[in-house]
Amino acid sequence: MNSQLGHRVPARPALLAALLGTMLAALLVLGAPAQAHDTLLESDPADGATLETSPEAITLTYSADILDVSPLVRITDESGEQIAEITPSVDGPVATAPLEEPLPAGESTIQWRVVSSDGHPIEGTFTVTVEQDAAADPTEAPAEEQPTEESAPAETTAADEETQPAAAEDAEDEGGSSMALILVVLGVIVVGAVVAVLVTLRRRD
């Protein structure tokens, strides 16, 4: 009896070691594909960003070179209506989706889907808010008002041109009158001086 127990006891640690080794190998096999998936490192615009105007493109940067296999960027507005579906260009770890039409004012949801470097598709979603609607062009109103604003100086200039000759004539008349008055006064002074000299000479005689 003792000899049988002595043979069975050493078998238990060996069995436990074999089970632990099998479980560890299974965990490593199952965990390897999940760790190999690429991840999105950053986006431009960033998730949750609020922009004054619409960006020209959506840029996605991943942790490794992604495969150029059916990449997709889909954009929906606040109501959930799809406003764009773009096939981005892939350059190494970067996918770029140019916007043919600007994003509308409000919150837009960007959904992306690419194929990871390990061959598995990955996807994600983020949001961007645009404050100003590109459809409302702020330059249109000033352009319409420009003729009205320019017409006023033109009328004023025309009025000034009409008054300038009259003012010049008045100035010439005033200048002529002043000059005539000065000449008369000088003439009186000269005549008076001549008469005074003649009177003085006669008295001496």
N, C-alpha and C. Protein backbone atom coordinates (compact mmCIF):
# COMPACT_ATOMS: atom_id res chain seq x y z
N MET A 1 0.83 -1.20 0.00
CA MET A 1 0.00 0.00 0.00
C MET A 1 0.87 1.25 0.00
N ASN A 2 1.85 1.27 0.84
CA ASN A 2 2.74 2.43 0.91
C ASN A 2 3.51 2.62 -0.37
N SER A 3 3.86 1.51 -1.02
CA SER A 3 4.60 1.62 -2.27
C SER A 3 3.77 2.22 -3.38
N GLN A 4 2.43 1.95 -3.41
CA GLN A 4 1.55 2.52 -4.42
C GLN A 4 1.40 4.03 -4.23
N LEU A 5 1.23 4.47 -2.99
CA LEU A 5 1.13 5.91 -2.72
C LEU A 5 2.41 6.64 -3.11
N GLY A 6 3.52 5.98 -2.86
CA GLY A 6 4.79 6.60 -3.21
C GLY A 6 4.93 6.81 -4.69
N HIS A 7 4.26 5.92 -5.53
CA HIS A 7 4.34 6.12 -6.99
C HIS A 7 3.34 7.16 -7.47
N ARG A 8 2.20 7.37 -6.81
CA ARG A 8 1.16 8.30 -7.27
C ARG A 8 1.46 9.76 -6.91
N VAL A 9 2.09 10.03 -5.84
CA VAL A 9 2.32 11.41 -5.39
C VAL A 9 3.13 12.21 -6.39
N PRO A 10 4.22 11.68 -6.95
CA PRO A 10 5.00 12.47 -7.91
C PRO A 10 4.23 12.79 -9.17
N ALA A 11 3.16 12.03 -9.52
CA ALA A 11 2.41 12.27 -10.76
C ALA A 11 1.57 13.52 -10.68
N ARG A 12 1.13 13.92 -9.51
CA ARG A 12 0.25 15.10 -9.39
C ARG A 12 0.96 16.40 -9.77
N PRO A 13 2.13 16.74 -9.27
CA PRO A 13 2.82 17.97 -9.71
C PRO A 13 3.08 18.00 -11.21
N ALA A 14 3.38 16.86 -11.79
CA ALA A 14 3.63 16.82 -13.23
C ALA A 14 2.36 17.12 -14.01
N LEU A 15 1.20 16.61 -13.52
CA LEU A 15 -0.08 16.86 -14.19
C LEU A 15 -0.47 18.32 -14.08
N LEU A 16 -0.28 18.91 -12.90
CA LEU A 16 -0.59 20.34 -12.73
C LEU A 16 0.30 21.21 -13.62
N ALA A 17 1.55 20.86 -13.71
CA ALA A 17 2.47 21.63 -14.55
C ALA A 17 2.06 21.56 -16.01
N ALA A 18 1.61 20.36 -16.44
CA ALA A 18 1.17 20.21 -17.83
C ALA A 18 -0.09 21.03 -18.10
N LEU A 19 -1.04 21.07 -17.15
CA LEU A 19 -2.26 21.86 -17.32
C LEU A 19 -1.95 23.34 -17.37
N LEU A 20 -1.07 23.81 -16.47
CA LEU A 20 -0.70 25.22 -16.46
C LEU A 20 0.00 25.62 -17.76
N GLY A 21 0.85 24.74 -18.27
CA GLY A 21 1.53 25.02 -19.53
C GLY A 21 0.56 25.11 -20.70
N THR A 22 -0.45 24.24 -20.71
CA THR A 22 -1.44 24.27 -21.78
C THR A 22 -2.28 25.53 -21.72
N MET A 23 -2.69 25.93 -20.50
CA MET A 23 -3.48 27.16 -20.34
C MET A 23 -2.68 28.39 -20.75
N LEU A 24 -1.41 28.45 -20.37
CA LEU A 24 -0.56 29.59 -20.73
C LEU A 24 -0.39 29.70 -22.24
N ALA A 25 -0.19 28.55 -22.90
CA ALA A 25 -0.05 28.55 -24.36
C ALA A 25 -1.33 29.03 -25.03
N ALA A 26 -2.48 28.60 -24.50
CA ALA A 26 -3.76 29.03 -25.07
C ALA A 26 -3.97 30.53 -24.91
N LEU A 27 -3.60 31.05 -23.74
CA LEU A 27 -3.73 32.50 -23.53
C LEU A 27 -2.85 33.28 -24.47
N LEU A 28 -1.64 32.81 -24.70
CA LEU A 28 -0.73 33.51 -25.61
C LEU A 28 -1.25 33.48 -27.03
N VAL A 29 -1.81 32.36 -27.46
CA VAL A 29 -2.34 32.24 -28.82
C VAL A 29 -3.55 33.15 -29.01
N LEU A 30 -4.44 33.17 -27.99
CA LEU A 30 -5.64 34.01 -28.10
C LEU A 30 -5.31 35.49 -27.98
N GLY A 31 -4.31 35.83 -27.22
CA GLY A 31 -3.98 37.24 -27.00
C GLY A 31 -3.16 37.84 -28.11
N ALA A 32 -2.45 37.04 -28.87
CA ALA A 32 -1.57 37.57 -29.91
C ALA A 32 -2.31 38.33 -30.98
N PRO A 33 -3.43 37.87 -31.57
CA PRO A 33 -4.10 38.64 -32.61
C PRO A 33 -4.64 39.97 -32.12
N ALA A 34 -5.16 40.00 -30.89
CA ALA A 34 -5.72 41.25 -30.36
C ALA A 34 -4.64 42.30 -30.20
N GLN A 35 -3.44 41.90 -29.75
CA GLN A 35 -2.37 42.86 -29.54
C GLN A 35 -1.79 43.34 -30.86
N ALA A 36 -1.97 42.59 -31.94
CA ALA A 36 -1.38 42.95 -33.23
C ALA A 36 -2.21 43.99 -33.97
N HIS A 37 -3.46 44.24 -33.57
CA HIS A 37 -4.28 45.22 -34.25
C HIS A 37 -3.69 46.62 -34.09
N ASP A 38 -3.72 47.40 -35.17
CA ASP A 38 -3.29 48.80 -35.09
C ASP A 38 -4.39 49.63 -34.42
N THR A 39 -4.00 50.78 -33.91
CA THR A 39 -4.95 51.67 -33.25
C THR A 39 -4.81 53.08 -33.81
N LEU A 40 -5.87 53.85 -33.70
CA LEU A 40 -5.84 55.25 -34.13
C LEU A 40 -5.14 56.08 -33.07
N LEU A 41 -4.03 56.71 -33.45
CA LEU A 41 -3.28 57.54 -32.51
C LEU A 41 -3.87 58.94 -32.39
N GLU A 42 -4.20 59.54 -33.54
CA GLU A 42 -4.75 60.89 -33.52
C GLU A 42 -5.52 61.17 -34.80
N SER A 43 -6.39 62.18 -34.72
CA SER A 43 -7.13 62.62 -35.90
C SER A 43 -7.04 64.13 -36.00
N ASP A 44 -7.17 64.63 -37.21
CA ASP A 44 -7.18 66.07 -37.45
C ASP A 44 -8.37 66.39 -38.36
N PRO A 45 -9.42 67.03 -37.81
CA PRO A 45 -9.57 67.59 -36.46
C PRO A 45 -9.65 66.49 -35.39
N ALA A 46 -9.38 66.90 -34.15
CA ALA A 46 -9.40 65.96 -33.05
C ALA A 46 -10.83 65.64 -32.64
N ASP A 47 -10.99 64.54 -31.94
CA ASP A 47 -12.30 64.14 -31.46
C ASP A 47 -12.86 65.20 -30.50
N GLY A 48 -14.08 65.66 -30.78
CA GLY A 48 -14.72 66.66 -29.93
C GLY A 48 -14.30 68.09 -30.20
N ALA A 49 -13.50 68.32 -31.24
CA ALA A 49 -13.02 69.68 -31.53
C ALA A 49 -14.16 70.56 -32.02
N THR A 50 -14.09 71.86 -31.67
CA THR A 50 -15.02 72.87 -32.17
C THR A 50 -14.26 73.82 -33.07
N LEU A 51 -14.67 73.89 -34.33
CA LEU A 51 -13.97 74.69 -35.33
C LEU A 51 -14.83 75.86 -35.77
N GLU A 52 -14.17 76.97 -36.10
CA GLU A 52 -14.91 78.14 -36.60
C GLU A 52 -15.46 77.87 -37.99
N THR A 53 -14.67 77.24 -38.83
CA THR A 53 -15.11 76.88 -40.19
C THR A 53 -14.76 75.43 -40.46
N SER A 54 -15.30 74.90 -41.54
CA SER A 54 -15.09 73.50 -41.89
C SER A 54 -13.64 73.23 -42.28
N PRO A 55 -13.08 72.08 -41.90
CA PRO A 55 -11.73 71.72 -42.37
C PRO A 55 -11.79 71.32 -43.84
N GLU A 56 -10.64 71.29 -44.48
CA GLU A 56 -10.56 70.90 -45.89
C GLU A 56 -10.42 69.39 -46.05
N ALA A 57 -10.00 68.70 -44.98
CA ALA A 57 -9.81 67.26 -45.06
C ALA A 57 -9.86 66.66 -43.66
N ILE A 58 -10.09 65.33 -43.61
CA ILE A 58 -10.02 64.56 -42.37
C ILE A 58 -8.77 63.69 -42.46
N THR A 59 -7.87 63.85 -41.48
CA THR A 59 -6.62 63.10 -41.47
C THR A 59 -6.58 62.17 -40.26
N LEU A 60 -6.29 60.89 -40.52
CA LEU A 60 -6.25 59.86 -39.47
C LEU A 60 -4.85 59.26 -39.43
N THR A 61 -4.25 59.21 -38.24
CA THR A 61 -2.91 58.66 -38.07
C THR A 61 -2.97 57.45 -37.14
N TYR A 62 -2.43 56.29 -37.61
CA TYR A 62 -2.51 55.04 -36.87
C TYR A 62 -1.14 54.66 -36.30
N SER A 63 -1.15 53.61 -35.48
CA SER A 63 0.07 53.19 -34.78
C SER A 63 1.04 52.43 -35.69
N ALA A 64 0.60 52.01 -36.86
CA ALA A 64 1.47 51.31 -37.82
C ALA A 64 0.93 51.53 -39.23
N ASP A 65 1.70 51.11 -40.22
CA ASP A 65 1.26 51.25 -41.61
C ASP A 65 0.02 50.40 -41.84
N ILE A 66 -1.06 51.04 -42.26
CA ILE A 66 -2.30 50.31 -42.53
C ILE A 66 -2.31 49.85 -43.98
N LEU A 67 -3.18 48.88 -44.28
CA LEU A 67 -3.27 48.36 -45.65
C LEU A 67 -4.24 49.21 -46.46
N ASP A 68 -3.87 49.45 -47.70
CA ASP A 68 -4.74 50.23 -48.59
C ASP A 68 -5.79 49.29 -49.20
N VAL A 69 -6.67 48.82 -48.34
CA VAL A 69 -7.71 47.87 -48.74
C VAL A 69 -9.07 48.41 -48.29
N SER A 70 -9.82 48.96 -49.23
CA SER A 70 -11.19 49.46 -48.99
C SER A 70 -11.29 50.37 -47.77
N PRO A 71 -10.43 51.38 -47.65
CA PRO A 71 -10.61 52.32 -46.54
C PRO A 71 -11.87 53.16 -46.77
N LEU A 72 -12.48 53.61 -45.69
CA LEU A 72 -13.74 54.34 -45.82
C LEU A 72 -13.89 55.36 -44.71
N VAL A 73 -14.38 56.54 -45.09
CA VAL A 73 -14.76 57.58 -44.12
C VAL A 73 -16.17 58.02 -44.45
N ARG A 74 -17.08 57.89 -43.48
CA ARG A 74 -18.48 58.27 -43.68
C ARG A 74 -18.83 59.37 -42.68
N ILE A 75 -19.50 60.43 -43.16
CA ILE A 75 -19.82 61.59 -42.31
C ILE A 75 -21.33 61.78 -42.29
N THR A 76 -21.88 61.95 -41.09
CA THR A 76 -23.31 62.22 -40.92
C THR A 76 -23.50 63.49 -40.10
N ASP A 77 -24.63 64.18 -40.32
CA ASP A 77 -24.89 65.43 -39.61
C ASP A 77 -25.61 65.15 -38.30
N GLU A 78 -26.09 66.23 -37.66
CA GLU A 78 -26.73 66.10 -36.34
C GLU A 78 -27.97 65.21 -36.38
N SER A 79 -28.69 65.24 -37.49
CA SER A 79 -29.92 64.46 -37.60
C SER A 79 -29.66 63.01 -37.99
N GLY A 80 -28.39 62.66 -38.21
CA GLY A 80 -28.05 61.31 -38.61
C GLY A 80 -28.06 61.09 -40.11
N GLU A 81 -28.30 62.14 -40.88
CA GLU A 81 -28.32 62.02 -42.33
C GLU A 81 -26.90 62.00 -42.87
N GLN A 82 -26.62 61.07 -43.78
CA GLN A 82 -25.29 60.97 -44.37
C GLN A 82 -25.05 62.14 -45.33
N ILE A 83 -23.92 62.84 -45.13
CA ILE A 83 -23.60 63.98 -45.99
C ILE A 83 -22.36 63.72 -46.84
N ALA A 84 -21.61 62.67 -46.52
CA ALA A 84 -20.42 62.37 -47.34
C ALA A 84 -19.97 60.94 -47.07
N GLU A 85 -19.46 60.30 -48.13
CA GLU A 85 -18.82 58.98 -48.02
C GLU A 85 -17.58 59.03 -48.88
N ILE A 86 -16.42 58.95 -48.25
CA ILE A 86 -15.15 59.24 -48.92
C ILE A 86 -14.23 58.02 -48.84
N THR A 87 -13.52 57.77 -49.92
CA THR A 87 -12.45 56.78 -49.92
C THR A 87 -11.13 57.51 -49.69
N PRO A 88 -10.57 57.42 -48.50
CA PRO A 88 -9.36 58.19 -48.21
C PRO A 88 -8.14 57.60 -48.89
N SER A 89 -7.14 58.42 -49.11
CA SER A 89 -5.86 57.95 -49.62
C SER A 89 -5.02 57.48 -48.44
N VAL A 90 -4.25 56.42 -48.65
CA VAL A 90 -3.44 55.82 -47.59
C VAL A 90 -1.96 56.00 -47.90
N ASP A 91 -1.23 56.52 -46.94
CA ASP A 91 0.22 56.71 -47.08
C ASP A 91 0.86 56.27 -45.78
N GLY A 92 1.30 55.01 -45.74
CA GLY A 92 1.88 54.47 -44.51
C GLY A 92 0.84 54.39 -43.41
N PRO A 93 1.08 55.04 -42.27
CA PRO A 93 0.12 55.00 -41.17
C PRO A 93 -0.95 56.09 -41.25
N VAL A 94 -0.95 56.88 -42.33
CA VAL A 94 -1.84 58.04 -42.43
C VAL A 94 -2.87 57.83 -43.53
N ALA A 95 -4.13 58.08 -43.18
CA ALA A 95 -5.23 58.07 -44.15
C ALA A 95 -5.82 59.48 -44.22
N THR A 96 -5.95 60.00 -45.45
CA THR A 96 -6.43 61.37 -45.64
C THR A 96 -7.68 61.35 -46.50
N ALA A 97 -8.76 61.97 -45.96
CA ALA A 97 -10.03 62.04 -46.68
C ALA A 97 -10.35 63.50 -46.99
N PRO A 98 -10.10 63.96 -48.24
CA PRO A 98 -10.41 65.36 -48.59
C PRO A 98 -11.92 65.57 -48.65
N LEU A 99 -12.36 66.75 -48.22
CA LEU A 99 -13.79 67.09 -48.22
C LEU A 99 -14.12 67.88 -49.48
N GLU A 100 -14.93 67.31 -50.35
CA GLU A 100 -15.35 68.04 -51.55
C GLU A 100 -16.34 69.14 -51.19
N GLU A 101 -17.18 68.91 -50.19
CA GLU A 101 -18.12 69.91 -49.70
C GLU A 101 -17.81 70.20 -48.24
N PRO A 102 -17.83 71.46 -47.81
CA PRO A 102 -17.54 71.77 -46.40
C PRO A 102 -18.59 71.19 -45.47
N LEU A 103 -18.18 70.92 -44.25
CA LEU A 103 -19.12 70.42 -43.25
C LEU A 103 -20.11 71.51 -42.87
N PRO A 104 -21.37 71.16 -42.65
CA PRO A 104 -22.36 72.17 -42.26
C PRO A 104 -22.15 72.61 -40.82
N ALA A 105 -22.79 73.71 -40.45
CA ALA A 105 -22.73 74.17 -39.06
C ALA A 105 -23.40 73.14 -38.16
N GLY A 106 -22.82 72.92 -36.98
CA GLY A 106 -23.35 71.94 -36.05
C GLY A 106 -22.38 70.78 -35.87
N GLU A 107 -22.84 69.76 -35.19
CA GLU A 107 -21.99 68.60 -34.90
C GLU A 107 -22.08 67.56 -36.01
N SER A 108 -20.93 67.10 -36.48
CA SER A 108 -20.85 66.05 -37.49
C SER A 108 -20.16 64.83 -36.89
N THR A 109 -20.63 63.65 -37.27
CA THR A 109 -20.05 62.40 -36.79
C THR A 109 -19.22 61.77 -37.92
N ILE A 110 -17.96 61.48 -37.62
CA ILE A 110 -17.05 60.89 -38.62
C ILE A 110 -16.83 59.42 -38.25
N GLN A 111 -17.23 58.53 -39.13
CA GLN A 111 -17.01 57.09 -38.96
C GLN A 111 -15.91 56.65 -39.93
N TRP A 112 -14.92 55.90 -39.43
CA TRP A 112 -13.84 55.45 -40.29
C TRP A 112 -13.67 53.94 -40.20
N ARG A 113 -13.16 53.37 -41.28
CA ARG A 113 -12.90 51.93 -41.33
C ARG A 113 -11.69 51.70 -42.23
N VAL A 114 -10.66 51.02 -41.68
CA VAL A 114 -9.46 50.69 -42.44
C VAL A 114 -9.06 49.25 -42.09
N VAL A 115 -8.07 48.75 -42.81
CA VAL A 115 -7.56 47.40 -42.55
C VAL A 115 -6.21 47.53 -41.86
N SER A 116 -6.10 46.92 -40.69
CA SER A 116 -4.88 46.97 -39.90
C SER A 116 -3.74 46.27 -40.62
N SER A 117 -2.52 46.52 -40.16
CA SER A 117 -1.35 45.90 -40.80
C SER A 117 -1.34 44.39 -40.65
N ASP A 118 -2.10 43.86 -39.68
CA ASP A 118 -2.17 42.41 -39.51
C ASP A 118 -3.28 41.79 -40.35
N GLY A 119 -3.95 42.62 -41.18
CA GLY A 119 -4.98 42.11 -42.07
C GLY A 119 -6.38 42.14 -41.49
N HIS A 120 -6.55 42.60 -40.25
CA HIS A 120 -7.86 42.65 -39.63
C HIS A 120 -8.46 44.06 -39.79
N PRO A 121 -9.73 44.18 -40.16
CA PRO A 121 -10.36 45.50 -40.26
C PRO A 121 -10.58 46.10 -38.88
N ILE A 122 -10.35 47.40 -38.78
CA ILE A 122 -10.61 48.14 -37.54
C ILE A 122 -11.45 49.36 -37.90
N GLU A 123 -12.22 49.86 -36.95
CA GLU A 123 -13.09 51.00 -37.22
C GLU A 123 -13.27 51.82 -35.95
N GLY A 124 -13.80 53.04 -36.13
CA GLY A 124 -14.03 53.91 -34.99
C GLY A 124 -14.89 55.10 -35.38
N THR A 125 -15.23 55.91 -34.39
CA THR A 125 -16.11 57.07 -34.60
C THR A 125 -15.66 58.22 -33.72
N PHE A 126 -15.74 59.44 -34.24
CA PHE A 126 -15.52 60.63 -33.42
C PHE A 126 -16.37 61.76 -33.98
N THR A 127 -16.47 62.86 -33.22
CA THR A 127 -17.34 63.97 -33.61
C THR A 127 -16.55 65.27 -33.73
N VAL A 128 -17.05 66.15 -34.58
CA VAL A 128 -16.46 67.48 -34.80
C VAL A 128 -17.61 68.48 -34.91
N THR A 129 -17.45 69.65 -34.30
CA THR A 129 -18.48 70.70 -34.36
C THR A 129 -17.96 71.90 -35.14
N VAL A 130 -18.76 72.37 -36.11
CA VAL A 130 -18.42 73.54 -36.91
C VAL A 130 -19.37 74.67 -36.52
N GLU A 131 -18.82 75.84 -36.21
CA GLU A 131 -19.64 76.96 -35.75
C GLU A 131 -20.29 77.71 -36.90
N GLN A 132 -19.57 77.94 -37.98
CA GLN A 132 -20.05 78.78 -39.08
C GLN A 132 -20.38 77.94 -40.30
N ASP A 133 -21.59 78.17 -40.85
CA ASP A 133 -22.01 77.45 -42.05
C ASP A 133 -21.35 78.09 -43.27
N ALA A 134 -20.65 77.27 -44.05
CA ALA A 134 -19.95 77.81 -45.24
C ALA A 134 -20.92 78.29 -46.30
N ALA A 135 -22.19 77.86 -46.24
CA ALA A 135 -23.16 78.29 -47.24
C ALA A 135 -23.49 79.77 -47.10
N ALA A 136 -23.36 80.31 -45.88
CA ALA A 136 -23.61 81.73 -45.66
C ALA A 136 -22.32 82.48 -45.86
N ASP A 137 -22.13 83.06 -47.05
CA ASP A 137 -20.90 83.78 -47.40
C ASP A 137 -20.97 85.19 -46.87
N PRO A 138 -20.16 85.54 -45.87
CA PRO A 138 -20.23 86.88 -45.29
C PRO A 138 -19.78 87.99 -46.23
N THR A 139 -19.17 87.65 -47.38
CA THR A 139 -18.69 88.69 -48.29
C THR A 139 -19.77 89.17 -49.25
N GLU A 140 -20.91 88.48 -49.31
CA GLU A 140 -21.94 88.86 -50.27
C GLU A 140 -22.60 90.20 -49.90
N ALA A 141 -22.94 90.41 -48.63
CA ALA A 141 -23.65 91.62 -48.22
C ALA A 141 -22.82 92.88 -48.47
N PRO A 142 -21.54 92.93 -48.05
CA PRO A 142 -20.74 94.12 -48.35
C PRO A 142 -20.61 94.37 -49.85
N ALA A 143 -20.54 93.30 -50.66
CA ALA A 143 -20.40 93.49 -52.10
C ALA A 143 -21.62 94.16 -52.69
N GLU A 144 -22.83 93.85 -52.16
CA GLU A 144 -24.05 94.46 -52.67
C GLU A 144 -24.16 95.92 -52.24
N GLU A 145 -23.60 96.25 -51.08
CA GLU A 145 -23.72 97.60 -50.56
C GLU A 145 -22.68 98.56 -51.12
N GLN A 146 -21.65 98.00 -51.77
CA GLN A 146 -20.57 98.85 -52.26
C GLN A 146 -21.01 99.92 -53.24
N PRO A 147 -21.93 99.63 -54.24
CA PRO A 147 -22.35 100.70 -55.16
C PRO A 147 -23.01 101.86 -54.44
N THR A 148 -23.83 101.55 -53.39
CA THR A 148 -24.51 102.61 -52.65
C THR A 148 -23.52 103.46 -51.91
N GLU A 149 -22.52 102.79 -51.29
CA GLU A 149 -21.53 103.55 -50.53
C GLU A 149 -20.66 104.39 -51.45
N GLU A 150 -20.40 103.92 -52.68
CA GLU A 150 -19.54 104.67 -53.59
C GLU A 150 -20.28 105.81 -54.27
N SER A 151 -21.64 105.71 -54.36
CA SER A 151 -22.40 106.74 -55.06
C SER A 151 -22.40 108.06 -54.29
N ALA A 152 -22.39 108.00 -52.95
CA ALA A 152 -22.44 109.21 -52.16
C ALA A 152 -21.22 110.10 -52.38
N PRO A 153 -19.99 109.53 -52.31
CA PRO A 153 -18.83 110.38 -52.60
C PRO A 153 -18.85 110.95 -54.01
N ALA A 154 -19.41 110.19 -54.98
CA ALA A 154 -19.45 110.68 -56.36
C ALA A 154 -20.34 111.90 -56.46
N GLU A 155 -21.53 111.86 -55.77
CA GLU A 155 -22.42 113.01 -55.80
C GLU A 155 -21.79 114.20 -55.10
N THR A 156 -21.12 113.95 -53.99
CA THR A 156 -20.47 115.03 -53.26
C THR A 156 -19.37 115.66 -54.10
N THR A 157 -18.64 114.81 -54.81
CA THR A 157 -17.56 115.33 -55.66
C THR A 157 -18.12 116.20 -56.77
N ALA A 158 -19.26 115.76 -57.35
CA ALA A 158 -19.88 116.55 -58.41
C ALA A 158 -20.33 117.90 -57.86
N ALA A 159 -20.91 117.90 -56.66
CA ALA A 159 -21.36 119.16 -56.06
C ALA A 159 -20.17 120.07 -55.77
N ASP A 160 -19.08 119.47 -55.30
CA ASP A 160 -17.89 120.28 -55.02
C ASP A 160 -17.35 120.89 -56.30
N GLU A 161 -17.39 120.11 -57.39
CA GLU A 161 -16.88 120.64 -58.66
C GLU A 161 -17.72 121.82 -59.14
N GLU A 162 -19.04 121.81 -58.84
CA GLU A 162 -19.89 122.91 -59.26
C GLU A 162 -19.63 124.16 -58.43
N THR A 163 -19.34 123.97 -57.13
CA THR A 163 -19.16 125.13 -56.24
C THR A 163 -17.77 125.72 -56.34
N GLN A 164 -16.78 124.90 -56.78
CA GLN A 164 -15.41 125.42 -56.83
C GLN A 164 -15.25 126.60 -57.78
N PRO A 165 -15.82 126.58 -59.03
CA PRO A 165 -15.67 127.75 -59.90
C PRO A 165 -16.30 129.00 -59.30
N ALA A 166 -17.49 128.85 -58.67
CA ALA A 166 -18.15 130.02 -58.08
C ALA A 166 -17.30 130.59 -56.96
N ALA A 167 -16.73 129.71 -56.13
CA ALA A 167 -15.89 130.19 -55.03
C ALA A 167 -14.65 130.89 -55.58
N ALA A 168 -14.11 130.34 -56.66
CA ALA A 168 -12.92 130.97 -57.24
C ALA A 168 -13.24 132.34 -57.80
N GLU A 169 -14.44 132.44 -58.45
CA GLU A 169 -14.83 133.75 -58.98
C GLU A 169 -15.03 134.76 -57.87
N ASP A 170 -15.67 134.33 -56.76
CA ASP A 170 -15.88 135.24 -55.63
C ASP A 170 -14.55 135.70 -55.06
N ALA A 171 -13.60 134.75 -54.98
CA ALA A 171 -12.29 135.12 -54.45
C ALA A 171 -11.60 136.13 -55.36
N GLU A 172 -11.75 135.93 -56.70
CA GLU A 172 -11.13 136.88 -57.63
C GLU A 172 -11.77 138.25 -57.52
N ASP A 173 -13.13 138.27 -57.38
CA ASP A 173 -13.82 139.57 -57.24
C ASP A 173 -13.37 140.28 -55.99
N GLU A 174 -13.30 139.51 -54.87
CA GLU A 174 -12.87 140.15 -53.62
C GLU A 174 -11.44 140.65 -53.72
N GLY A 175 -10.58 139.82 -54.39
CA GLY A 175 -9.20 140.25 -54.55
C GLY A 175 -9.09 141.50 -55.40
N GLY A 176 -9.91 141.57 -56.49
CA GLY A 176 -9.88 142.75 -57.34
C GLY A 176 -10.37 143.99 -56.62
N SER A 177 -11.45 143.84 -55.83
CA SER A 177 -11.98 144.99 -55.09
C SER A 177 -10.96 145.49 -54.08
N SER A 178 -10.32 144.56 -53.38
CA SER A 178 -9.33 144.97 -52.39
C SER A 178 -8.15 145.68 -53.04
N MET A 179 -7.71 145.17 -54.18
CA MET A 179 -6.58 145.81 -54.86
C MET A 179 -6.95 147.22 -55.34
N ALA A 180 -8.18 147.39 -55.86
CA ALA A 180 -8.61 148.73 -56.31
C ALA A 180 -8.66 149.71 -55.16
N LEU A 181 -9.17 149.24 -54.00
CA LEU A 181 -9.25 150.11 -52.83
C LEU A 181 -7.86 150.53 -52.38
N ILE A 182 -6.92 149.58 -52.40
CA ILE A 182 -5.55 149.91 -51.99
C ILE A 182 -4.94 150.94 -52.93
N LEU A 183 -5.18 150.77 -54.24
CA LEU A 183 -4.62 151.72 -55.20
C LEU A 183 -5.20 153.12 -55.00
N VAL A 184 -6.51 153.21 -54.71
CA VAL A 184 -7.14 154.51 -54.47
C VAL A 184 -6.52 155.19 -53.25
N VAL A 185 -6.34 154.42 -52.18
CA VAL A 185 -5.78 154.98 -50.95
C VAL A 185 -4.36 155.46 -51.20
N LEU A 186 -3.57 154.61 -51.92
CA LEU A 186 -2.20 155.03 -52.21
C LEU A 186 -2.18 156.29 -53.07
N GLY A 187 -3.14 156.35 -54.03
CA GLY A 187 -3.19 157.55 -54.88
C GLY A 187 -3.50 158.80 -54.07
N VAL A 188 -4.46 158.67 -53.12
CA VAL A 188 -4.81 159.82 -52.27
C VAL A 188 -3.61 160.26 -51.45
N ILE A 189 -2.88 159.27 -50.91
CA ILE A 189 -1.72 159.60 -50.07
C ILE A 189 -0.66 160.31 -50.90
N VAL A 190 -0.42 159.79 -52.11
CA VAL A 190 0.61 160.40 -52.96
C VAL A 190 0.23 161.84 -53.34
N VAL A 191 -1.05 162.00 -53.73
CA VAL A 191 -1.51 163.35 -54.10
C VAL A 191 -1.40 164.30 -52.92
N GLY A 192 -1.80 163.78 -51.73
CA GLY A 192 -1.71 164.62 -50.53
C GLY A 192 -0.30 165.02 -50.23
N ALA A 193 0.63 164.04 -50.40
CA ALA A 193 2.02 164.35 -50.13
C ALA A 193 2.56 165.39 -51.10
N VAL A 194 2.19 165.31 -52.38
CA VAL A 194 2.66 166.28 -53.38
C VAL A 194 2.13 167.67 -53.05
N VAL A 195 0.83 167.73 -52.70
CA VAL A 195 0.23 169.04 -52.37
C VAL A 195 0.93 169.64 -51.16
N ALA A 196 1.23 168.79 -50.14
CA ALA A 196 1.88 169.30 -48.93
C ALA A 196 3.25 169.86 -49.26
N VAL A 197 3.98 169.18 -50.14
CA VAL A 197 5.32 169.65 -50.52
C VAL A 197 5.24 170.98 -51.26
N LEU A 198 4.25 171.11 -52.18
CA LEU A 198 4.11 172.35 -52.93
C LEU A 198 3.75 173.52 -52.01
N VAL A 199 2.87 173.28 -51.07
CA VAL A 199 2.47 174.33 -50.13
C VAL A 199 3.67 174.79 -49.32
N THR A 200 4.47 173.85 -48.87
CA THR A 200 5.64 174.17 -48.04
C THR A 200 6.64 175.00 -48.84
N LEU A 201 6.83 174.67 -50.10
CA LEU A 201 7.80 175.41 -50.93
C LEU A 201 7.31 176.83 -51.18
N ARG A 202 6.04 177.02 -51.38
CA ARG A 202 5.49 178.37 -51.60
C ARG A 202 5.66 179.23 -50.35
N ARG A 203 5.46 178.67 -49.20
CA ARG A 203 5.58 179.44 -47.97
C ARG A 203 7.04 179.92 -47.78
N ARG A 204 7.96 179.13 -48.16
CA ARG A 204 9.37 179.53 -48.02
C ARG A 204 9.70 180.68 -48.96
N ASP A 205 9.09 180.63 -50.11
CA ASP A 205 9.34 181.69 -51.08
C ASP A 205 8.74 183.01 -50.56
